[in-house]
Amino acid sequence: PACAPLANPYVPFQRESAEKYEASNALIRGTLFPGLDLPFMGLV
C-alpha cells in the first residue's frame, strides 16, 4: 500500500575476541555473545 512503512534493520557488528557468556548462561539468554543479546520486549 502507499502508506506502508519501510524498515531499516540494524544488525550489531560482531568484533574479534568478543565478550562471551558462560555456556550455561548462553543457553538461557539465547546467544553466546552479550553484544547480540537483545531481549524481546525487555523480557529475559
Full PDB file with SEQRES, HELIX, SHEET, SSBOND, CRYST1, ORIGX, SCALE, CONECT and MASTER records, all heavy atoms in Angstrom:
SEQRES   1 A   44  PRO ALA CYS ALA PRO LEU ALA ASN PRO TYR VAL PRO PHE          
SEQRES   2 A   44  GLN ARG GLU SER ALA GLU LYS TYR GLU ALA SER ASN ALA          
SEQRES   3 A   44  LEU ILE ARG GLY THR LEU PHE PRO GLY LEU ASP LEU PRO          
SEQRES   4 A   44  PHE MET GLY LEU VAL                                          
HELIX    1 AA1 ALA A   23  ARG A   29  1                                   7    
HELIX    2 AA2 PRO A   34  LEU A   36  5                                   3    
HELIX    3 AA3 PHE A   40  GLY A   42  5                                   3    
CRYST1    1.000    1.000    1.000  90.00  90.00  90.00 P 1           1          
ORIGX1      1.000000  0.000000  0.000000        0.00000                         
ORIGX2      0.000000  1.000000  0.000000        0.00000                         
ORIGX3      0.000000  0.000000  1.000000        0.00000                         
SCALE1      1.000000  0.000000  0.000000        0.00000                         
SCALE2      0.000000  1.000000  0.000000        0.00000                         
SCALE3      0.000000  0.000000  1.000000        0.00000                         
ATOM      1  N   PRO A   1       0.844  -1.199   0.000  1.00  0.00           N  
ATOM      2  CA  PRO A   1       0.000   0.000   0.000  1.00  0.00           C  
ATOM      3  C   PRO A   1       0.876   1.245   0.000  1.00  0.00           C  
ATOM      4  O   PRO A   1       2.045   1.207   0.375  1.00  0.00           O  
ATOM      5  CB  PRO A   1      -0.790  -0.133   1.305  1.00  0.00           C  
ATOM      6  CG  PRO A   1       0.045  -1.000   2.174  1.00  0.00           C  
ATOM      7  CD  PRO A   1       0.770  -1.937   1.251  1.00  0.00           C  
ATOM      8  N   ALA A   2       0.328   2.335  -0.408  1.00  0.00           N  
ATOM      9  CA  ALA A   2       1.077   3.586  -0.493  1.00  0.00           C  
ATOM     10  C   ALA A   2       1.608   4.041   0.867  1.00  0.00           C  
ATOM     11  O   ALA A   2       2.641   4.694   0.951  1.00  0.00           O  
ATOM     12  CB  ALA A   2       0.196   4.676  -1.102  1.00  0.00           C  
ATOM     13  N   CYS A   3       0.905   3.667   1.939  1.00  0.00           N  
ATOM     14  CA  CYS A   3       1.314   4.127   3.266  1.00  0.00           C  
ATOM     15  C   CYS A   3       2.194   3.114   4.000  1.00  0.00           C  
ATOM     16  O   CYS A   3       2.443   3.266   5.186  1.00  0.00           O  
ATOM     17  CB  CYS A   3       0.079   4.450   4.104  1.00  0.00           C  
ATOM     18  SG  CYS A   3      -0.946   3.002   4.415  1.00  0.00           S  
ATOM     19  N   ALA A   4       2.664   2.057   3.338  1.00  0.00           N  
ATOM     20  CA  ALA A   4       3.463   1.018   4.003  1.00  0.00           C  
ATOM     21  C   ALA A   4       4.814   1.580   4.426  1.00  0.00           C  
ATOM     22  O   ALA A   4       5.552   2.108   3.598  1.00  0.00           O  
ATOM     23  CB  ALA A   4       3.674  -0.162   3.069  1.00  0.00           C  
ATOM     24  N   PRO A   5       5.147   1.496   5.721  1.00  0.00           N  
ATOM     25  CA  PRO A   5       6.457   1.981   6.158  1.00  0.00           C  
ATOM     26  C   PRO A   5       7.533   0.961   5.791  1.00  0.00           C  
ATOM     27  O   PRO A   5       7.295  -0.239   5.830  1.00  0.00           O  
ATOM     28  CB  PRO A   5       6.307   2.085   7.674  1.00  0.00           C  
ATOM     29  CG  PRO A   5       5.266   1.077   8.013  1.00  0.00           C  
ATOM     30  CD  PRO A   5       4.327   1.020   6.834  1.00  0.00           C  
ATOM     31  N   LEU A   6       8.674   1.428   5.409  1.00  0.00           N  
ATOM     32  CA  LEU A   6       9.810   0.548   5.155  1.00  0.00           C  
ATOM     33  C   LEU A   6      10.688   0.540   6.387  1.00  0.00           C  
ATOM     34  O   LEU A   6      10.874   1.562   7.042  1.00  0.00           O  
ATOM     35  CB  LEU A   6      10.591   1.021   3.934  1.00  0.00           C  
ATOM     36  CG  LEU A   6       9.841   0.935   2.611  1.00  0.00           C  
ATOM     37  CD1 LEU A   6      10.715   1.479   1.487  1.00  0.00           C  
ATOM     38  CD2 LEU A   6       9.427  -0.492   2.315  1.00  0.00           C  
ATOM     39  N   ALA A   7      11.230  -0.613   6.708  1.00  0.00           N  
ATOM     40  CA  ALA A   7      12.054  -0.754   7.901  1.00  0.00           C  
ATOM     41  C   ALA A   7      13.525  -0.607   7.547  1.00  0.00           C  
ATOM     42  O   ALA A   7      13.955  -0.991   6.464  1.00  0.00           O  
ATOM     43  CB  ALA A   7      11.809  -2.112   8.539  1.00  0.00           C  
ATOM     44  N   ASN A   8      14.277  -0.054   8.449  1.00  0.00           N  
ATOM     45  CA  ASN A   8      15.722  -0.019   8.367  1.00  0.00           C  
ATOM     46  C   ASN A   8      16.241  -0.982   9.416  1.00  0.00           C  
ATOM     47  O   ASN A   8      16.278  -0.652  10.601  1.00  0.00           O  
ATOM     48  CB  ASN A   8      16.265   1.380   8.668  1.00  0.00           C  
ATOM     49  CG  ASN A   8      16.549   2.163   7.437  1.00  0.00           C  
ATOM     50  OD1 ASN A   8      16.715   1.585   6.369  1.00  0.00           O  
ATOM     51  ND2 ASN A   8      16.618   3.468   7.575  1.00  0.00           N  
ATOM     52  N   PRO A   9      16.646  -2.190   9.030  1.00  0.00           N  
ATOM     53  CA  PRO A   9      17.114  -3.141  10.041  1.00  0.00           C  
ATOM     54  C   PRO A   9      18.475  -2.728  10.582  1.00  0.00           C  
ATOM     55  O   PRO A   9      19.273  -2.106   9.886  1.00  0.00           O  
ATOM     56  CB  PRO A   9      17.205  -4.452   9.280  1.00  0.00           C  
ATOM     57  CG  PRO A   9      17.396  -4.049   7.866  1.00  0.00           C  
ATOM     58  CD  PRO A   9      16.675  -2.741   7.696  1.00  0.00           C  
ATOM     59  N   TYR A  10      18.707  -3.097  11.827  1.00  0.00           N  
ATOM     60  CA  TYR A  10      20.002  -2.860  12.443  1.00  0.00           C  
ATOM     61  C   TYR A  10      20.525  -4.207  12.907  1.00  0.00           C  
ATOM     62  O   TYR A  10      19.848  -4.920  13.645  1.00  0.00           O  
ATOM     63  CB  TYR A  10      19.896  -1.914  13.636  1.00  0.00           C  
ATOM     64  CG  TYR A  10      21.175  -1.878  14.451  1.00  0.00           C  
ATOM     65  CD1 TYR A  10      22.305  -1.209  13.983  1.00  0.00           C  
ATOM     66  CD2 TYR A  10      21.261  -2.537  15.666  1.00  0.00           C  
ATOM     67  CE1 TYR A  10      23.479  -1.194  14.695  1.00  0.00           C  
ATOM     68  CE2 TYR A  10      22.438  -2.525  16.390  1.00  0.00           C  
ATOM     69  CZ  TYR A  10      23.551  -1.852  15.898  1.00  0.00           C  
ATOM     70  OH  TYR A  10      24.721  -1.844  16.612  1.00  0.00           O  
ATOM     71  N   VAL A  11      21.693  -4.574  12.454  1.00  0.00           N  
ATOM     72  CA  VAL A  11      22.327  -5.806  12.880  1.00  0.00           C  
ATOM     73  C   VAL A  11      23.629  -5.422  13.570  1.00  0.00           C  
ATOM     74  O   VAL A  11      24.494  -4.794  12.946  1.00  0.00           O  
ATOM     75  CB  VAL A  11      22.611  -6.737  11.677  1.00  0.00           C  
ATOM     76  CG1 VAL A  11      23.317  -8.001  12.135  1.00  0.00           C  
ATOM     77  CG2 VAL A  11      21.320  -7.053  10.945  1.00  0.00           C  
ATOM     78  N   PRO A  12      23.779  -5.783  14.855  1.00  0.00           N  
ATOM     79  CA  PRO A  12      25.012  -5.424  15.557  1.00  0.00           C  
ATOM     80  C   PRO A  12      26.231  -6.027  14.871  1.00  0.00           C  
ATOM     81  O   PRO A  12      26.185  -7.154  14.390  1.00  0.00           O  
ATOM     82  CB  PRO A  12      24.828  -6.018  16.955  1.00  0.00           C  
ATOM     83  CG  PRO A  12      23.373  -6.246  17.096  1.00  0.00           C  
ATOM     84  CD  PRO A  12      22.839  -6.490  15.717  1.00  0.00           C  
ATOM     85  N   PHE A  13      27.319  -5.285  14.809  1.00  0.00           N  
ATOM     86  CA  PHE A  13      28.561  -5.757  14.231  1.00  0.00           C  
ATOM     87  C   PHE A  13      29.322  -6.519  15.301  1.00  0.00           C  
ATOM     88  O   PHE A  13      29.522  -6.027  16.404  1.00  0.00           O  
ATOM     89  CB  PHE A  13      29.386  -4.570  13.730  1.00  0.00           C  
ATOM     90  CG  PHE A  13      30.667  -4.970  13.079  1.00  0.00           C  
ATOM     91  CD1 PHE A  13      30.675  -5.429  11.775  1.00  0.00           C  
ATOM     92  CD2 PHE A  13      31.865  -4.899  13.768  1.00  0.00           C  
ATOM     93  CE1 PHE A  13      31.848  -5.803  11.167  1.00  0.00           C  
ATOM     94  CE2 PHE A  13      33.039  -5.264  13.168  1.00  0.00           C  
ATOM     95  CZ  PHE A  13      33.040  -5.723  11.862  1.00  0.00           C  
ATOM     96  N   GLN A  14      29.753  -7.720  14.970  1.00  0.00           N  
ATOM     97  CA  GLN A  14      30.458  -8.555  15.927  1.00  0.00           C  
ATOM     98  C   GLN A  14      31.964  -8.377  15.745  1.00  0.00           C  
ATOM     99  O   GLN A  14      32.499  -8.559  14.664  1.00  0.00           O  
ATOM    100  CB  GLN A  14      30.074 -10.011  15.695  1.00  0.00           C  
ATOM    101  CG  GLN A  14      30.057 -10.813  16.930  1.00  0.00           C  
ATOM    102  CD  GLN A  14      29.387 -12.161  16.686  1.00  0.00           C  
ATOM    103  OE1 GLN A  14      28.921 -12.458  15.613  1.00  0.00           O  
ATOM    104  NE2 GLN A  14      29.345 -12.953  17.710  1.00  0.00           N  
ATOM    105  N   ARG A  15      32.638  -7.992  16.798  1.00  0.00           N  
ATOM    106  CA  ARG A  15      34.079  -7.743  16.735  1.00  0.00           C  
ATOM    107  C   ARG A  15      34.860  -9.007  17.073  1.00  0.00           C  
ATOM    108  O   ARG A  15      34.343  -9.913  17.692  1.00  0.00           O  
ATOM    109  CB  ARG A  15      34.451  -6.635  17.716  1.00  0.00           C  
ATOM    110  CG  ARG A  15      33.737  -5.340  17.441  1.00  0.00           C  
ATOM    111  CD  ARG A  15      34.124  -4.284  18.481  1.00  0.00           C  
ATOM    112  NE  ARG A  15      33.245  -3.152  18.431  1.00  0.00           N  
ATOM    113  CZ  ARG A  15      33.370  -2.136  17.597  1.00  0.00           C  
ATOM    114  NH1 ARG A  15      34.344  -2.130  16.735  1.00  0.00           N  
ATOM    115  NH2 ARG A  15      32.523  -1.136  17.615  1.00  0.00           N  
ATOM    116  N   GLU A  16      36.142  -9.021  16.674  1.00  0.00           N  
ATOM    117  CA  GLU A  16      37.041 -10.109  17.052  1.00  0.00           C  
ATOM    118  C   GLU A  16      37.170 -10.142  18.576  1.00  0.00           C  
ATOM    119  O   GLU A  16      37.097  -9.112  19.229  1.00  0.00           O  
ATOM    120  CB  GLU A  16      38.431  -9.896  16.440  1.00  0.00           C  
ATOM    121  CG  GLU A  16      38.474  -9.996  14.945  1.00  0.00           C  
ATOM    122  CD  GLU A  16      38.599 -11.411  14.432  1.00  0.00           C  
ATOM    123  OE1 GLU A  16      39.187 -12.263  15.122  1.00  0.00           O  
ATOM    124  OE2 GLU A  16      38.074 -11.677  13.338  1.00  0.00           O  
ATOM    125  N   SER A  17      37.391 -11.308  19.121  1.00  0.00           N  
ATOM    126  CA  SER A  17      37.565 -11.507  20.564  1.00  0.00           C  
ATOM    127  C   SER A  17      36.418 -10.888  21.353  1.00  0.00           C  
ATOM    128  O   SER A  17      36.621 -10.269  22.399  1.00  0.00           O  
ATOM    129  CB  SER A  17      38.896 -10.932  21.044  1.00  0.00           C  
ATOM    130  OG  SER A  17      39.964 -11.543  20.362  1.00  0.00           O  
ATOM    131  N   ALA A  18      35.207 -11.071  20.864  1.00  0.00           N  
ATOM    132  CA  ALA A  18      34.037 -10.527  21.546  1.00  0.00           C  
ATOM    133  C   ALA A  18      33.836 -11.196  22.899  1.00  0.00           C  
ATOM    134  O   ALA A  18      34.175 -12.360  23.090  1.00  0.00           O  
ATOM    135  CB  ALA A  18      32.794 -10.742  20.679  1.00  0.00           C  
ATOM    136  N   GLU A  19      33.291 -10.441  23.846  1.00  0.00           N  
ATOM    137  CA  GLU A  19      32.963 -10.978  25.161  1.00  0.00           C  
ATOM    138  C   GLU A  19      31.977 -12.128  24.977  1.00  0.00           C  
ATOM    139  O   GLU A  19      31.135 -12.105  24.085  1.00  0.00           O  
ATOM    140  CB  GLU A  19      32.346  -9.876  26.012  1.00  0.00           C  
ATOM    141  CG  GLU A  19      32.018 -10.308  27.426  1.00  0.00           C  
ATOM    142  CD  GLU A  19      31.356  -9.188  28.221  1.00  0.00           C  
ATOM    143  OE1 GLU A  19      31.385  -8.036  27.782  1.00  0.00           O  
ATOM    144  OE2 GLU A  19      30.800  -9.505  29.269  1.00  0.00           O  
ATOM    145  N   LYS A  20      32.072 -13.147  25.841  1.00  0.00           N  
ATOM    146  CA  LYS A  20      31.204 -14.312  25.717  1.00  0.00           C  
ATOM    147  C   LYS A  20      30.592 -14.670  27.069  1.00  0.00           C  
ATOM    148  O   LYS A  20      31.218 -14.520  28.101  1.00  0.00           O  
ATOM    149  CB  LYS A  20      31.993 -15.507  25.175  1.00  0.00           C  
ATOM    150  CG  LYS A  20      32.501 -15.299  23.766  1.00  0.00           C  
ATOM    151  CD  LYS A  20      33.599 -16.285  23.426  1.00  0.00           C  
ATOM    152  CE  LYS A  20      34.346 -15.882  22.188  1.00  0.00           C  
ATOM    153  NZ  LYS A  20      35.206 -14.729  22.362  1.00  0.00           N  
ATOM    154  N   TYR A  21      29.338 -15.144  27.025  1.00  0.00           N  
ATOM    155  CA  TYR A  21      28.709 -15.689  28.228  1.00  0.00           C  
ATOM    156  C   TYR A  21      29.300 -17.070  28.511  1.00  0.00           C  
ATOM    157  O   TYR A  21      29.824 -17.731  27.619  1.00  0.00           O  
ATOM    158  CB  TYR A  21      27.208 -15.879  28.017  1.00  0.00           C  
ATOM    159  CG  TYR A  21      26.360 -14.640  28.036  1.00  0.00           C  
ATOM    160  CD1 TYR A  21      25.415 -14.421  27.044  1.00  0.00           C  
ATOM    161  CD2 TYR A  21      26.456 -13.712  29.057  1.00  0.00           C  
ATOM    162  CE1 TYR A  21      24.594 -13.300  27.060  1.00  0.00           C  
ATOM    163  CE2 TYR A  21      25.644 -12.585  29.091  1.00  0.00           C  
ATOM    164  CZ  TYR A  21      24.719 -12.392  28.087  1.00  0.00           C  
ATOM    165  OH  TYR A  21      23.911 -11.283  28.108  1.00  0.00           O  
ATOM    166  N   GLU A  22      29.165 -17.524  29.752  1.00  0.00           N  
ATOM    167  CA  GLU A  22      29.450 -18.919  30.067  1.00  0.00           C  
ATOM    168  C   GLU A  22      28.415 -19.766  29.333  1.00  0.00           C  
ATOM    169  O   GLU A  22      27.309 -19.306  29.043  1.00  0.00           O  
ATOM    170  CB  GLU A  22      29.347 -19.163  31.582  1.00  0.00           C  
ATOM    171  CG  GLU A  22      30.420 -18.479  32.386  1.00  0.00           C  
ATOM    172  CD  GLU A  22      31.799 -19.063  32.110  1.00  0.00           C  
ATOM    173  OE1 GLU A  22      31.913 -20.300  31.976  1.00  0.00           O  
ATOM    174  OE2 GLU A  22      32.750 -18.276  32.017  1.00  0.00           O  
ATOM    175  N   ALA A  23      28.733 -21.029  29.043  1.00  0.00           N  
ATOM    176  CA  ALA A  23      27.859 -21.888  28.240  1.00  0.00           C  
ATOM    177  C   ALA A  23      26.450 -21.996  28.823  1.00  0.00           C  
ATOM    178  O   ALA A  23      25.459 -21.869  28.104  1.00  0.00           O  
ATOM    179  CB  ALA A  23      28.469 -23.280  28.091  1.00  0.00           C  
ATOM    180  N   SER A  24      26.341 -22.189  30.140  1.00  0.00           N  
ATOM    181  CA  SER A  24      25.012 -22.348  30.747  1.00  0.00           C  
ATOM    182  C   SER A  24      24.195 -21.058  30.644  1.00  0.00           C  
ATOM    183  O   SER A  24      22.992 -21.093  30.406  1.00  0.00           O  
ATOM    184  CB  SER A  24      25.128 -22.788  32.206  1.00  0.00           C  
ATOM    185  OG  SER A  24      25.868 -21.832  32.948  1.00  0.00           O  
ATOM    186  N   ASN A  25      24.845 -19.921  30.796  1.00  0.00           N  
ATOM    187  CA  ASN A  25      24.146 -18.643  30.684  1.00  0.00           C  
ATOM    188  C   ASN A  25      23.778 -18.349  29.225  1.00  0.00           C  
ATOM    189  O   ASN A  25      22.747 -17.746  28.948  1.00  0.00           O  
ATOM    190  CB  ASN A  25      24.998 -17.518  31.261  1.00  0.00           C  
ATOM    191  CG  ASN A  25      24.180 -16.304  31.637  1.00  0.00           C  
ATOM    192  OD1 ASN A  25      22.970 -16.389  31.827  1.00  0.00           O  
ATOM    193  ND2 ASN A  25      24.838 -15.168  31.731  1.00  0.00           N  
ATOM    194  N   ALA A  26      24.615 -18.793  28.292  1.00  0.00           N  
ATOM    195  CA  ALA A  26      24.324 -18.585  26.867  1.00  0.00           C  
ATOM    196  C   ALA A  26      23.047 -19.310  26.468  1.00  0.00           C  
ATOM    197  O   ALA A  26      22.225 -18.765  25.725  1.00  0.00           O  
ATOM    198  CB  ALA A  26      25.498 -19.077  26.019  1.00  0.00           C  
ATOM    199  N   LEU A  27      22.858 -20.521  26.953  1.00  0.00           N  
ATOM    200  CA  LEU A  27      21.649 -21.276  26.645  1.00  0.00           C  
ATOM    201  C   LEU A  27      20.418 -20.551  27.171  1.00  0.00           C  
ATOM    202  O   LEU A  27      19.399 -20.444  26.483  1.00  0.00           O  
ATOM    203  CB  LEU A  27      21.723 -22.688  27.245  1.00  0.00           C  
ATOM    204  CG  LEU A  27      20.524 -23.590  26.987  1.00  0.00           C  
ATOM    205  CD1 LEU A  27      20.355 -23.855  25.495  1.00  0.00           C  
ATOM    206  CD2 LEU A  27      20.676 -24.896  27.743  1.00  0.00           C  
ATOM    207  N   ILE A  28      20.511 -19.992  28.344  1.00  0.00           N  
ATOM    208  CA  ILE A  28      19.399 -19.260  28.941  1.00  0.00           C  
ATOM    209  C   ILE A  28      19.096 -17.990  28.143  1.00  0.00           C  
ATOM    210  O   ILE A  28      17.939 -17.679  27.866  1.00  0.00           O  
ATOM    211  CB  ILE A  28      19.737 -18.866  30.400  1.00  0.00           C  
ATOM    212  CG1 ILE A  28      19.858 -20.109  31.259  1.00  0.00           C  
ATOM    213  CG2 ILE A  28      18.689 -17.928  30.978  1.00  0.00           C  
ATOM    214  CD1 ILE A  28      20.528 -19.846  32.586  1.00  0.00           C  
ATOM    215  N   ARG A  29      20.149 -17.254  27.753  1.00  0.00           N  
ATOM    216  CA  ARG A  29      19.974 -15.971  27.067  1.00  0.00           C  
ATOM    217  C   ARG A  29      19.669 -16.116  25.579  1.00  0.00           C  
ATOM    218  O   ARG A  29      19.190 -15.195  24.952  1.00  0.00           O  
ATOM    219  CB  ARG A  29      21.222 -15.106  27.243  1.00  0.00           C  
ATOM    220  CG  ARG A  29      21.570 -14.763  28.688  1.00  0.00           C  
ATOM    221  CD  ARG A  29      20.449 -14.061  29.387  1.00  0.00           C  
ATOM    222  NE  ARG A  29      20.149 -12.811  28.728  1.00  0.00           N  
ATOM    223  CZ  ARG A  29      20.040 -11.647  29.318  1.00  0.00           C  
ATOM    224  NH1 ARG A  29      20.186 -11.565  30.614  1.00  0.00           N  
ATOM    225  NH2 ARG A  29      19.744 -10.563  28.630  1.00  0.00           N  
ATOM    226  N   GLY A  30      19.996 -17.278  25.002  1.00  0.00           N  
ATOM    227  CA  GLY A  30      19.724 -17.485  23.583  1.00  0.00           C  
ATOM    228  C   GLY A  30      20.835 -17.008  22.672  1.00  0.00           C  
ATOM    229  O   GLY A  30      20.693 -17.014  21.461  1.00  0.00           O  
ATOM    230  N   THR A  31      21.961 -16.631  23.247  1.00  0.00           N  
ATOM    231  CA  THR A  31      23.139 -16.240  22.476  1.00  0.00           C  
ATOM    232  C   THR A  31      24.366 -16.369  23.359  1.00  0.00           C  
ATOM    233  O   THR A  31      24.282 -16.234  24.578  1.00  0.00           O  
ATOM    234  CB  THR A  31      23.039 -14.794  21.927  1.00  0.00           C  
ATOM    235  OG1 THR A  31      24.212 -14.518  21.148  1.00  0.00           O  
ATOM    236  CG2 THR A  31      22.900 -13.767  23.027  1.00  0.00           C  
ATOM    237  N   LEU A  32      25.491 -16.636  22.737  1.00  0.00           N  
ATOM    238  CA  LEU A  32      26.747 -16.722  23.470  1.00  0.00           C  
ATOM    239  C   LEU A  32      27.358 -15.342  23.680  1.00  0.00           C  
ATOM    240  O   LEU A  32      28.175 -15.135  24.552  1.00  0.00           O  
ATOM    241  CB  LEU A  32      27.722 -17.628  22.688  1.00  0.00           C  
ATOM    242  CG  LEU A  32      29.070 -17.924  23.312  1.00  0.00           C  
ATOM    243  CD1 LEU A  32      28.900 -18.709  24.607  1.00  0.00           C  
ATOM    244  CD2 LEU A  32      29.940 -18.697  22.349  1.00  0.00           C  
ATOM    245  N   PHE A  33      26.915 -14.385  22.887  1.00  0.00           N  
ATOM    246  CA  PHE A  33      27.555 -13.078  22.852  1.00  0.00           C  
ATOM    247  C   PHE A  33      26.676 -11.991  23.459  1.00  0.00           C  
ATOM    248  O   PHE A  33      25.620 -11.664  22.924  1.00  0.00           O  
ATOM    249  CB  PHE A  33      27.903 -12.721  21.410  1.00  0.00           C  
ATOM    250  CG  PHE A  33      28.778 -13.749  20.772  1.00  0.00           C  
ATOM    251  CD1 PHE A  33      28.230 -14.728  19.961  1.00  0.00           C  
ATOM    252  CD2 PHE A  33      30.138 -13.755  21.010  1.00  0.00           C  
ATOM    253  CE1 PHE A  33      29.034 -15.699  19.388  1.00  0.00           C  
ATOM    254  CE2 PHE A  33      30.950 -14.723  20.440  1.00  0.00           C  
ATOM    255  CZ  PHE A  33      30.398 -15.701  19.629  1.00  0.00           C  
ATOM    256  N   PRO A  34      27.106 -11.396  24.582  1.00  0.00           N  
ATOM    257  CA  PRO A  34      26.320 -10.325  25.204  1.00  0.00           C  
ATOM    258  C   PRO A  34      26.017  -9.170  24.256  1.00  0.00           C  
ATOM    259  O   PRO A  34      24.953  -8.555  24.343  1.00  0.00           O  
ATOM    260  CB  PRO A  34      27.204  -9.860  26.369  1.00  0.00           C  
ATOM    261  CG  PRO A  34      28.057 -11.038  26.696  1.00  0.00           C  
ATOM    262  CD  PRO A  34      28.305 -11.720  25.371  1.00  0.00           C  
ATOM    263  N   GLY A  35      26.902  -8.886  23.319  1.00  0.00           N  
ATOM    264  CA  GLY A  35      26.669  -7.803  22.374  1.00  0.00           C  
ATOM    265  C   GLY A  35      25.506  -8.063  21.432  1.00  0.00           C  
ATOM    266  O   GLY A  35      24.972  -7.150  20.825  1.00  0.00           O  
ATOM    267  N   LEU A  36      25.106  -9.316  21.288  1.00  0.00           N  
ATOM    268  CA  LEU A  36      23.978  -9.679  20.435  1.00  0.00           C  
ATOM    269  C   LEU A  36      22.731  -9.994  21.258  1.00  0.00           C  
ATOM    270  O   LEU A  36      21.708 -10.373  20.708  1.00  0.00           O  
ATOM    271  CB  LEU A  36      24.326 -10.900  19.571  1.00  0.00           C  
ATOM    272  CG  LEU A  36      25.509 -10.732  18.631  1.00  0.00           C  
ATOM    273  CD1 LEU A  36      25.745 -12.021  17.850  1.00  0.00           C  
ATOM    274  CD2 LEU A  36      25.308  -9.559  17.693  1.00  0.00           C  
ATOM    275  N   ASP A  37      22.822  -9.850  22.554  1.00  0.00           N  
ATOM    276  CA  ASP A  37      21.715 -10.186  23.456  1.00  0.00           C  
ATOM    277  C   ASP A  37      20.732  -9.019  23.495  1.00  0.00           C  
ATOM    278  O   ASP A  37      20.917  -8.056  24.230  1.00  0.00           O  
ATOM    279  CB  ASP A  37      22.262 -10.484  24.856  1.00  0.00           C  
ATOM    280  CG  ASP A  37      21.213 -11.067  25.785  1.00  0.00           C  
ATOM    281  OD1 ASP A  37      20.059 -11.230  25.361  1.00  0.00           O  
ATOM    282  OD2 ASP A  37      21.564 -11.362  26.937  1.00  0.00           O  
ATOM    283  N   LEU A  38      19.713  -9.108  22.684  1.00  0.00           N  
ATOM    284  CA  LEU A  38      18.695  -8.067  22.609  1.00  0.00           C  
ATOM    285  C   LEU A  38      17.356  -8.686  22.991  1.00  0.00           C  
ATOM    286  O   LEU A  38      16.617  -9.170  22.137  1.00  0.00           O  
ATOM    287  CB  LEU A  38      18.648  -7.492  21.193  1.00  0.00           C  
ATOM    288  CG  LEU A  38      19.987  -6.974  20.663  1.00  0.00           C  
ATOM    289  CD1 LEU A  38      19.899  -6.655  19.183  1.00  0.00           C  
ATOM    290  CD2 LEU A  38      20.451  -5.781  21.461  1.00  0.00           C  
ATOM    291  N   PRO A  39      17.033  -8.724  24.291  1.00  0.00           N  
ATOM    292  CA  PRO A  39      15.810  -9.389  24.741  1.00  0.00           C  
ATOM    293  C   PRO A  39      14.561  -8.807  24.096  1.00  0.00           C  
ATOM    294  O   PRO A  39      14.427  -7.590  23.961  1.00  0.00           O  
ATOM    295  CB  PRO A  39      15.792  -9.144  26.251  1.00  0.00           C  
ATOM    296  CG  PRO A  39      17.192  -8.797  26.603  1.00  0.00           C  
ATOM    297  CD  PRO A  39      17.773  -8.132  25.387  1.00  0.00           C  
ATOM    298  N   PHE A  40      13.658  -9.676  23.701  1.00  0.00           N  
ATOM    299  CA  PHE A  40      12.407  -9.273  23.083  1.00  0.00           C  
ATOM    300  C   PHE A  40      11.538  -8.567  24.110  1.00  0.00           C  
ATOM    301  O   PHE A  40      11.221  -9.124  25.151  1.00  0.00           O  
ATOM    302  CB  PHE A  40      11.682 -10.490  22.518  1.00  0.00           C  
ATOM    303  CG  PHE A  40      10.372 -10.163  21.874  1.00  0.00           C  
ATOM    304  CD1 PHE A  40      10.323  -9.454  20.688  1.00  0.00           C  
ATOM    305  CD2 PHE A  40       9.183 -10.562  22.458  1.00  0.00           C  
ATOM    306  CE1 PHE A  40       9.117  -9.144  20.095  1.00  0.00           C  
ATOM    307  CE2 PHE A  40       7.963 -10.265  21.872  1.00  0.00           C  
ATOM    308  CZ  PHE A  40       7.938  -9.549  20.685  1.00  0.00           C  
ATOM    309  N   MET A  41      11.184  -7.337  23.841  1.00  0.00           N  
ATOM    310  CA  MET A  41      10.333  -6.518  24.709  1.00  0.00           C  
ATOM    311  C   MET A  41      10.846  -6.468  26.147  1.00  0.00           C  
ATOM    312  O   MET A  41      10.082  -6.417  27.098  1.00  0.00           O  
ATOM    313  CB  MET A  41       8.895  -7.034  24.660  1.00  0.00           C  
ATOM    314  CG  MET A  41       8.284  -6.932  23.266  1.00  0.00           C  
ATOM    315  SD  MET A  41       6.584  -7.445  23.162  1.00  0.00           S  
ATOM    316  CE  MET A  41       5.791  -6.140  24.090  1.00  0.00           C  
ATOM    317  N   GLY A  42      12.168  -6.539  26.307  1.00  0.00           N  
ATOM    318  CA  GLY A  42      12.779  -6.436  27.623  1.00  0.00           C  
ATOM    319  C   GLY A  42      12.638  -7.674  28.491  1.00  0.00           C  
ATOM    320  O   GLY A  42      13.041  -7.667  29.642  1.00  0.00           O  
ATOM    321  N   LEU A  43      12.073  -8.750  27.953  1.00  0.00           N  
ATOM    322  CA  LEU A  43      11.889  -9.979  28.728  1.00  0.00           C  
ATOM    323  C   LEU A  43      13.167 -10.799  28.698  1.00  0.00           C  
ATOM    324  O   LEU A  43      13.757 -11.012  27.645  1.00  0.00           O  
ATOM    325  CB  LEU A  43      10.728 -10.796  28.166  1.00  0.00           C  
ATOM    326  CG  LEU A  43       9.370 -10.096  28.148  1.00  0.00           C  
ATOM    327  CD1 LEU A  43       8.338 -10.977  27.462  1.00  0.00           C  
ATOM    328  CD2 LEU A  43       8.927  -9.761  29.557  1.00  0.00           C  
ATOM    329  N   VAL A  44      13.591 -11.276  29.861  1.00  0.00           N  
ATOM    330  CA  VAL A  44      14.820 -12.037  29.970  1.00  0.00           C  
ATOM    331  C   VAL A  44      14.529 -13.364  30.660  1.00  0.00           C  
ATOM    332  O   VAL A  44      13.941 -13.398  31.735  1.00  0.00           O  
ATOM    333  CB  VAL A  44      15.879 -11.254  30.780  1.00  0.00           C  
ATOM    334  CG1 VAL A  44      17.127 -12.078  30.970  1.00  0.00           C  
ATOM    335  CG2 VAL A  44      16.198  -9.939  30.093  1.00  0.00           C  
TER     336      VAL A  44                                                      
MASTER        0    0    0    3    0    0    0    6  335    1    0    4          
END                                                                             
